[in-house]
Amino acid sequence: MATPRNAGTAKQSAPDGFAAALEKATVTPAQAPATGFAAALEKVGLPAADAARYAPNERSTLSHLTPADRELISASTGFVISSDGVVQNPNGRVVDNFIAELAVERATGRLEGAVTSGYLKDLFAKYRNGGESALNPAYLDAALAFMEARDQRRAEDPTPRSSFTIGA
């Protein structure tokens, strides 16, 4: 049975042939992990350049964050993290424990699917010792407010929006 932390989350099914292609991809020790990942995706018809660009980098735990994770982090902490795990605006600040913990949970597979308000509350409660938390409680409040506003927007207009347009 799934723990409350992972409740309501499920692994997305991979495209047909994806797992088989990954198994067949050979990676030598000299190759970067993303290279083997890219080769596997190329075998199933996905562009290798994008695969290599967006594959998690084993040297950067922050690269395991999903786009939704990075959006949540930016909205709640002000840190902007690129898909390759680089903090774009550190301004002399150290990456907060909240961000590091979320990235470690993703990298180890303990967090799958979307981050939920229940997951965040459990995460912050886990680090609360005698009323004081190792995680900044203002980030929890900001993250919950962001998620509530996002869910409200989706409820009002479930049509996905994009700034991408195709010229005539």
Protein backbone atom coordinates (compact mmCIF):
# COMPACT_ATOMS: atom_id res chain seq x y z
CA MET A 1 0.00 0.00 0.00
CA ALA A 2 1.29 3.47 -0.89
CA THR A 3 2.31 5.80 1.88
CA PRO A 4 0.27 8.99 2.38
CA ARG A 5 3.20 10.90 0.85
CA ASN A 6 2.62 9.12 -2.48
CA ALA A 7 -1.16 8.82 -2.17
CA GLY A 8 -2.92 9.82 -5.32
CA THR A 9 0.20 9.58 -7.43
CA ALA A 10 0.90 7.00 -10.06
CA LYS A 11 3.66 6.40 -12.54
CA GLN A 12 2.70 7.45 -16.02
CA SER A 13 2.84 4.63 -18.51
CA ALA A 14 5.70 4.81 -20.96
CA PRO A 15 5.11 4.80 -24.74
CA ASP A 16 5.13 1.36 -26.37
CA GLY A 17 8.66 0.18 -26.93
CA PHE A 18 10.14 2.82 -24.65
CA ALA A 19 11.22 0.43 -21.88
CA ALA A 20 12.53 -2.06 -24.41
CA ALA A 21 14.54 0.64 -26.16
CA LEU A 22 16.03 1.73 -22.85
CA GLU A 23 17.05 -1.83 -22.09
CA LYS A 24 18.69 -2.21 -25.52
CA ALA A 25 20.58 1.09 -25.31
CA THR A 26 24.17 0.43 -24.43
CA VAL A 27 26.09 3.01 -22.47
CA THR A 28 29.80 2.75 -21.98
CA PRO A 29 31.36 4.17 -18.80
CA ALA A 30 32.79 7.01 -20.88
CA GLN A 31 29.32 8.12 -22.02
CA ALA A 32 27.22 10.51 -20.01
CA PRO A 33 23.95 8.98 -18.71
CA ALA A 34 21.98 11.41 -20.89
CA THR A 35 23.74 10.04 -23.98
CA GLY A 36 22.40 6.54 -23.36
CA PHE A 37 18.97 7.96 -22.62
CA ALA A 38 19.06 9.98 -25.84
CA ALA A 39 20.09 6.92 -27.85
CA ALA A 40 17.21 4.93 -26.41
CA LEU A 41 14.71 7.65 -27.24
CA GLU A 42 16.08 7.97 -30.76
CA LYS A 43 15.35 4.25 -31.28
CA VAL A 44 11.66 4.88 -30.59
CA GLY A 45 11.51 7.98 -32.78
CA LEU A 46 11.93 10.78 -30.28
CA PRO A 47 14.46 13.56 -30.96
CA ALA A 48 17.75 12.81 -29.24
CA ALA A 49 18.70 16.48 -28.82
CA ASP A 50 15.65 17.13 -26.65
CA ALA A 51 16.06 13.86 -24.78
CA ALA A 52 19.64 14.67 -23.86
CA ARG A 53 18.69 18.20 -22.91
CA TYR A 54 15.87 17.22 -20.59
CA ALA A 55 17.18 13.94 -19.18
CA PRO A 56 18.06 14.15 -15.50
CA ASN A 57 21.76 14.72 -14.94
CA GLU A 58 23.13 12.34 -12.32
CA ARG A 59 25.58 15.02 -11.17
CA SER A 60 22.75 17.44 -10.32
CA THR A 61 19.96 16.35 -8.03
CA LEU A 62 18.02 19.49 -8.97
CA SER A 63 17.79 18.24 -12.58
CA HIS A 64 15.33 15.59 -11.40
CA LEU A 65 12.71 18.24 -10.64
CA THR A 66 9.75 18.26 -13.01
CA PRO A 67 8.59 21.42 -14.78
CA ALA A 68 5.67 21.58 -12.33
CA ASP A 69 8.10 21.25 -9.40
CA ARG A 70 10.22 24.09 -10.75
CA GLU A 71 7.13 26.27 -11.21
CA LEU A 72 6.03 25.56 -7.64
CA ILE A 73 9.52 26.30 -6.30
CA SER A 74 9.73 29.55 -8.22
CA ALA A 75 6.31 30.69 -7.00
CA SER A 76 6.95 29.75 -3.38
CA THR A 77 10.65 30.52 -2.88
CA GLY A 78 11.65 32.84 -5.71
CA PHE A 79 14.39 30.45 -6.87
CA VAL A 80 14.34 29.83 -10.63
CA ILE A 81 15.82 26.44 -11.56
CA SER A 82 16.51 25.39 -15.15
CA SER A 83 15.72 21.94 -16.51
CA ASP A 84 19.38 20.98 -16.15
CA GLY A 85 19.31 21.80 -12.43
CA VAL A 86 21.06 25.16 -12.49
CA VAL A 87 19.77 27.86 -10.13
CA GLN A 88 19.30 30.87 -12.40
CA ASN A 89 19.00 33.57 -9.74
CA PRO A 90 20.92 32.61 -6.60
CA ASN A 91 21.82 36.24 -5.71
CA GLY A 92 24.12 34.95 -2.99
CA ARG A 93 21.42 32.75 -1.46
CA VAL A 94 21.97 29.09 -0.63
CA VAL A 95 19.42 26.66 -2.06
CA ASP A 96 16.83 26.13 0.66
CA ASN A 97 16.34 22.76 2.37
CA PHE A 98 12.79 22.62 0.96
CA ILE A 99 14.13 22.65 -2.62
CA ALA A 100 16.87 20.15 -1.82
CA GLU A 101 14.45 17.75 -0.11
CA LEU A 102 11.98 17.91 -3.02
CA ALA A 103 14.81 17.19 -5.49
CA VAL A 104 16.12 14.26 -3.42
CA GLU A 105 12.62 12.80 -3.17
CA ARG A 106 12.32 13.00 -6.98
CA ALA A 107 15.81 11.63 -7.66
CA THR A 108 15.30 8.63 -5.38
CA GLY A 109 11.82 7.87 -6.71
CA ARG A 110 10.09 8.42 -3.36
CA LEU A 111 8.01 11.17 -4.99
CA GLU A 112 6.15 10.23 -8.13
CA GLY A 113 3.49 12.20 -9.96
CA ALA A 114 2.30 15.65 -9.00
CA VAL A 115 3.16 17.34 -5.71
CA THR A 116 -0.01 17.59 -3.63
CA SER A 117 -0.89 19.81 -0.70
CA GLY A 118 -0.95 16.69 1.50
CA TYR A 119 2.57 15.79 0.42
CA LEU A 120 3.81 19.30 1.24
CA LYS A 121 2.14 19.33 4.65
CA ASP A 122 3.65 15.92 5.45
CA LEU A 123 7.08 17.06 4.26
CA PHE A 124 7.06 20.17 6.44
CA ALA A 125 5.69 18.21 9.42
CA LYS A 126 8.52 15.69 9.01
CA TYR A 127 11.07 18.43 9.67
CA ARG A 128 9.28 20.10 12.56
CA ASN A 129 11.11 19.57 15.85
CA GLY A 130 9.52 21.03 18.95
CA GLY A 131 7.56 23.58 16.94
CA GLU A 132 10.55 24.83 14.94
CA SER A 133 11.06 23.57 11.41
CA ALA A 134 14.25 23.07 9.41
CA LEU A 135 12.16 24.14 6.42
CA ASN A 136 10.99 27.73 6.06
CA PRO A 137 7.26 27.69 6.95
CA ALA A 138 6.67 30.75 4.74
CA TYR A 139 7.50 28.52 1.76
CA LEU A 140 4.77 26.07 2.74
CA ASP A 141 2.20 28.86 2.97
CA ALA A 142 3.32 30.29 -0.39
CA ALA A 143 3.31 26.85 -2.06
CA LEU A 144 -0.18 26.02 -0.77
CA ALA A 145 -1.48 29.43 -1.91
CA PHE A 146 0.08 28.90 -5.34
CA MET A 147 -1.47 25.43 -5.68
CA GLU A 148 -4.88 26.69 -4.57
CA ALA A 149 -4.80 29.57 -7.08
CA ARG A 150 -3.63 27.24 -9.86
CA ASP A 151 -6.36 24.72 -9.11
CA GLN A 152 -8.94 27.52 -9.00
CA ARG A 153 -7.83 28.74 -12.46
CA ARG A 154 -8.03 25.19 -13.83
CA ALA A 155 -11.51 24.73 -12.39
CA GLU A 156 -12.72 27.98 -13.94
CA ASP A 157 -11.17 27.29 -17.35
CA PRO A 158 -9.85 23.76 -17.90
CA THR A 159 -8.59 24.61 -21.41
CA PRO A 160 -4.78 24.51 -21.45
CA ARG A 161 -3.18 27.79 -22.48
CA SER A 162 -0.03 28.31 -24.48
CA SER A 163 1.86 31.32 -25.73
CA PHE A 164 3.02 29.29 -28.70
CA THR A 165 1.44 30.32 -32.01
CA ILE A 166 1.94 29.11 -35.53
CA GLY A 167 2.28 31.85 -38.13
CA ALA A 168 0.17 31.70 -41.26
